[in-house]
Amino acid sequence: MKETSKNFNSYDEIECPHCNEELGIEGDDLADLITYWGENGSIEWKCNGCDEEFVIKEEVSRSWKVAKTDEDLD
């Protein structure tokens, strides 16, 4: 199993585990993949390069910064 980990801000592609085709994700596809807590489990996806099916599982993590003032956060 190949794990891919990217931040959502820079994450607009996934890689097919069968053919390594880079698949763009946008629009309505994002609504199927993204939840607030990652509670949907895995989602079946079909590669438009090789026509093979695979699964995608969303994982959500959060972090916080703490400082005395907003200026100290930068």
Protein backbone atom coordinates (compact mmCIF):
# COMPACT_ATOMS: atom_id res chain seq x y z
CA MET A 1 0.00 0.00 0.00
CA LYS A 2 1.36 3.39 -0.96
CA GLU A 3 0.58 6.24 1.38
CA THR A 4 0.26 9.77 0.07
CA SER A 5 0.13 12.63 2.49
CA LYS A 6 -0.30 16.24 1.43
CA ASN A 7 -1.92 19.31 2.90
CA PHE A 8 -5.30 20.20 1.41
CA ASN A 9 -4.04 23.66 0.45
CA SER A 10 -1.60 22.14 -2.03
CA TYR A 11 -3.52 18.94 -2.70
CA ASP A 12 -5.28 18.98 -6.03
CA GLU A 13 -4.12 15.60 -7.37
CA ILE A 14 -4.05 12.00 -6.29
CA GLU A 15 -1.94 9.24 -7.81
CA CYS A 16 -3.51 6.03 -9.07
CA PRO A 17 -1.94 3.08 -7.21
CA HIS A 18 -2.23 0.94 -10.36
CA CYS A 19 -0.69 3.09 -13.11
CA ASN A 20 0.70 6.12 -11.17
CA GLU A 21 -1.42 8.47 -13.26
CA GLU A 22 -1.84 11.87 -11.57
CA LEU A 23 -5.59 12.48 -11.27
CA GLY A 24 -6.85 16.00 -10.76
CA ILE A 25 -9.49 16.57 -8.08
CA GLU A 26 -11.77 19.56 -8.33
CA GLY A 27 -15.33 20.77 -8.05
CA ASP A 28 -17.90 18.14 -7.13
CA ASP A 29 -15.18 15.50 -6.62
CA LEU A 30 -13.98 17.44 -3.58
CA ALA A 31 -17.41 17.24 -1.97
CA ASP A 32 -17.20 13.44 -2.13
CA LEU A 33 -13.72 13.34 -0.59
CA ILE A 34 -13.67 16.00 2.10
CA THR A 35 -15.49 15.89 5.44
CA TYR A 36 -14.99 17.86 8.63
CA TRP A 37 -13.66 14.95 10.69
CA GLY A 38 -12.81 12.35 8.04
CA GLU A 39 -15.77 10.25 9.08
CA ASN A 40 -16.81 8.83 5.71
CA GLY A 41 -14.38 5.90 5.64
CA SER A 42 -12.94 4.86 2.31
CA ILE A 43 -14.41 5.92 -1.04
CA GLU A 44 -14.17 3.89 -4.23
CA TRP A 45 -12.61 5.75 -7.13
CA LYS A 46 -11.96 4.83 -10.76
CA CYS A 47 -8.83 5.93 -12.59
CA ASN A 48 -9.56 7.67 -15.86
CA GLY A 49 -6.08 6.68 -17.09
CA CYS A 50 -6.11 2.87 -16.69
CA ASP A 51 -9.81 2.31 -15.81
CA GLU A 52 -8.86 0.40 -12.62
CA GLU A 53 -10.69 0.95 -9.35
CA PHE A 54 -9.04 1.88 -6.04
CA VAL A 55 -10.04 3.37 -2.70
CA ILE A 56 -9.29 6.71 -1.07
CA LYS A 57 -9.49 7.25 2.67
CA GLU A 58 -9.46 10.76 4.08
CA GLU A 59 -7.42 11.35 7.21
CA VAL A 60 -7.85 14.57 9.15
CA SER A 61 -5.37 16.09 11.58
CA ARG A 62 -5.27 19.49 13.17
CA SER A 63 -2.67 21.48 14.99
CA TRP A 64 -2.71 24.68 16.98
CA LYS A 65 -0.25 27.42 17.70
CA VAL A 66 -0.37 29.23 21.03
CA ALA A 67 1.09 32.64 21.70
CA LYS A 68 0.53 35.68 23.88
CA THR A 69 -0.50 37.87 20.91
CA ASP A 70 -1.41 37.49 17.24
CA GLU A 71 1.92 39.01 16.26
CA ASP A 72 3.75 36.24 18.13
CA LEU A 73 2.05 33.60 16.00
CA ASP A 74 3.91 34.59 12.82
